[in-house]
């Protein structure tokens, strides 16, 4: 079974403060032009998206330099819904992808209180590095403050942010194949992605 873990990109969607406002507008219509065509205006971190090293690391790898294999793997999901400042002393050994369920996006269309969104702390980021994970994903608009990003991305650990909390809630405590394939854009720091879970039933 395939479970879609992505958020819709749509007009009036929430976006990270200071990022470009996303919008979709009609560019051509079937009636006028003989074809329907839309224009998309997005930031590289719109909706469900990946962060790659260039986002925070000087001379870090850009999106087009990352093999697709780095955006997929065997995953374990943990629930950390009672923490806005997530502290994990131990990281599960199973799999090479860690997925964190916080519930942050359960009512995401109302926007976020950026002072209280769920984020991991620096010690947890270092523990993730020590665990050997190649990717960490979260249903929050940001996995952590800048130093957390630098710790993870500086150690070549890819980040997926803004997963769909409703969908992810079905996977807590389970093992599954995780994938988050970004659109291929040259020379950038991240991109919107379609995040999926493949589950054996």
Foldseek 3Di string as FASTA:
>chain_A
DKFWFWDDDAALFADDPPFDHWYKDWDDDCVGPVDTDIDIDGGQLPTWKKFALVVQHVVGDFPQVDDQVLQKKKEAEAEPQPAQADDDPADDLPMQEYEYAHCQCVVRSVPHPVVRHRAYDQNVLVNNLVSNHQEYEYQTSDNHPSVSSCSQNVSNRMYIYNTHNVRCVVRHRHIWMKGWDFDDDPPHRMHHTTIMTHDDD
